[in-house]
Protein backbone atom coordinates (compact mmCIF):
# COMPACT_ATOMS: atom_id res chain seq x y z
CA UNK A 1 -0.09 0.27 0.03
CA UNK A 2 2.86 2.75 -0.50
CA UNK A 3 1.31 3.09 -3.54
CA UNK A 4 0.61 7.03 -4.04
CA UNK A 5 -2.69 8.41 -5.35
CA UNK A 6 -2.85 11.16 -8.35
CA UNK A 7 -5.53 13.49 -7.11
CA UNK A 8 -7.73 14.06 -10.16
CA UNK A 9 -8.02 17.97 -11.03
CA UNK A 10 -11.42 18.66 -13.47
CA UNK A 11 -9.26 21.75 -14.22
CA UNK A 12 -5.95 19.61 -16.02
CA UNK A 13 -8.48 16.88 -17.79
CA UNK A 14 -9.97 20.59 -19.02
CA UNK A 15 -7.05 21.87 -20.47
CA UNK A 16 -5.44 18.66 -21.63
CA UNK A 17 -8.84 17.76 -23.23
CA UNK A 18 -8.70 21.65 -25.11
CA UNK A 19 -5.43 21.06 -26.45
CA UNK A 20 -5.97 17.51 -27.67
CA UNK A 21 -9.14 19.57 -29.63
CA UNK A 22 -7.27 22.38 -30.56
CA UNK A 23 -5.31 20.70 -33.64
CA UNK A 24 -9.06 19.29 -35.15
CA UNK A 25 -10.90 22.22 -34.76
CA UNK A 26 -8.19 24.27 -36.48
CA UNK A 27 -8.35 21.50 -38.95
CA UNK A 28 -12.26 21.39 -39.63
CA UNK A 29 -11.76 25.20 -39.71
CA UNK A 30 -9.33 24.72 -42.65
CA UNK A 31 -11.92 22.62 -44.23
CA UNK A 32 -14.85 25.46 -43.48
CA UNK A 33 -12.62 27.55 -45.50
CA UNK A 34 -11.50 25.77 -48.52
CA UNK A 35 -15.30 24.64 -48.30
CA UNK A 36 -16.56 28.24 -49.18
CA UNK A 37 -13.87 29.56 -51.09
CA UNK A 38 -14.76 26.82 -53.58
CA UNK A 39 -18.17 27.70 -53.18
CA UNK A 40 -17.97 31.11 -53.63
CA UNK A 41 -18.07 31.69 -57.28
CA UNK A 42 -20.95 29.35 -57.73
CA UNK A 43 -22.78 31.71 -55.05
CA UNK A 44 -22.16 34.42 -56.66
CA UNK A 45 -22.84 33.34 -60.30
CA UNK A 46 -26.35 32.10 -58.95
CA UNK A 47 -27.13 35.27 -57.39
CA UNK A 48 -26.83 37.04 -60.74
CA UNK A 49 -28.09 34.42 -62.55
CA UNK A 50 -31.66 33.35 -60.78
CA UNK A 51 -32.18 30.63 -63.59
CA UNK A 52 -29.54 28.57 -61.56
CA UNK A 53 -31.44 28.09 -58.76
CA UNK A 54 -34.55 28.38 -60.38
CA UNK A 55 -32.81 25.26 -62.49
CA UNK A 56 -31.81 23.54 -59.47
CA UNK A 57 -34.73 23.29 -57.79
CA UNK A 58 -36.69 21.70 -60.84
CA UNK A 59 -34.26 19.56 -60.79
CA UNK A 60 -34.37 18.28 -57.34
CA UNK A 61 -38.20 18.20 -57.67
CA UNK A 62 -37.68 15.66 -60.18
CA UNK A 63 -35.76 14.04 -58.28
CA UNK A 64 -38.14 14.11 -55.40
CA UNK A 65 -40.91 12.76 -57.64
CA UNK A 66 -39.55 9.27 -58.47
CA UNK A 67 -37.45 8.85 -54.96
CA UNK A 68 -34.97 6.68 -54.11
CA UNK A 69 -32.86 4.58 -55.78
CA UNK A 70 -34.26 0.91 -55.58
CA UNK A 71 -30.98 -1.14 -57.16
CA UNK A 72 -30.11 -4.72 -56.02
CA UNK A 73 -26.63 -3.42 -55.04
CA UNK A 74 -26.16 -7.00 -53.74
CA UNK A 75 -26.41 -8.32 -57.91
CA UNK A 76 -23.71 -5.47 -59.27
CA UNK A 77 -21.87 -5.24 -56.15
CA UNK A 78 -18.55 -5.98 -58.24
CA UNK A 79 -19.08 -2.98 -61.13
CA UNK A 80 -19.92 -0.70 -58.29
CA UNK A 81 -19.26 -1.15 -54.82
CA UNK A 82 -19.85 1.86 -52.68
CA UNK A 83 -21.25 4.53 -55.54
CA UNK A 84 -25.10 4.08 -55.03
CA UNK A 85 -25.93 7.70 -54.68
CA UNK A 86 -29.43 6.24 -52.94
CA UNK A 87 -31.53 8.97 -55.01
CA UNK A 88 -32.69 7.73 -57.94
CA UNK A 89 -32.16 10.00 -61.34
CA UNK A 90 -34.66 11.05 -64.30
CA UNK A 91 -34.21 8.54 -67.19
CA UNK A 92 -32.06 5.92 -65.29
CA UNK A 93 -34.84 3.21 -64.59
CA UNK A 94 -34.23 -0.33 -65.35
CA UNK A 95 -36.39 -2.24 -66.87
CA UNK A 96 -37.13 -5.57 -65.14
CA UNK A 97 -39.07 -8.32 -66.16
CA UNK A 98 -40.96 -10.04 -62.61
CA UNK A 99 -42.55 -13.12 -62.17
CA UNK A 100 -45.29 -11.74 -60.10
CA UNK A 101 -46.28 -8.40 -61.92
CA UNK A 102 -44.32 -8.58 -65.47
CA UNK A 103 -42.18 -5.96 -66.60
CA UNK A 104 -41.07 -3.45 -64.15
CA UNK A 105 -39.19 -0.26 -64.32
CA UNK A 106 -37.24 0.63 -61.36
CA UNK A 107 -36.56 3.35 -60.44
CA UNK A 108 -32.11 4.10 -59.97
CA UNK A 109 -29.72 6.33 -59.25
CA UNK A 110 -27.21 6.79 -62.44
CA UNK A 111 -24.11 4.71 -61.29
CA UNK A 112 -26.50 2.03 -60.26
CA UNK A 113 -28.30 1.52 -63.31
CA UNK A 114 -25.04 2.18 -65.02
CA UNK A 115 -23.56 -1.23 -63.65
CA UNK A 116 -26.69 -2.74 -63.83
CA UNK A 117 -26.67 -2.36 -67.87
CA UNK A 118 -22.80 -3.63 -67.98
CA UNK A 119 -24.17 -6.51 -65.70
CA UNK A 120 -26.72 -7.35 -68.53
CA UNK A 121 -24.67 -6.66 -71.09
CA UNK A 122 -22.94 -9.98 -71.94
CA UNK A 123 -26.47 -11.53 -71.54
CA UNK A 124 -28.29 -9.31 -74.02
CA UNK A 125 -25.27 -9.97 -76.70
């Protein structure tokens, strides 16, 4: 029992945590600044050309009408692992023959639709 115990200091722990987080916060601020610098010309252009925002809104509304990507990623994982955007794209539906309901157009994001068509290519030839 000759061991000495060090008294816990909340103030010391707080300063140690602050010192540990300082580089992380500095890096995050640098990233935010880079993002702002990259977006600033786009924002200025869009402010001068309101049709840009209107086009963006129309595209988002069209995507919302379609909904999410309904890909079967397990079928084309080797061609498209990690590329699914999760949001179906206009014109990117892939037609499937369903035994229960017949032909069905399945909405997909562009990367998943491309991977599905790539996978099908050998069977279509």
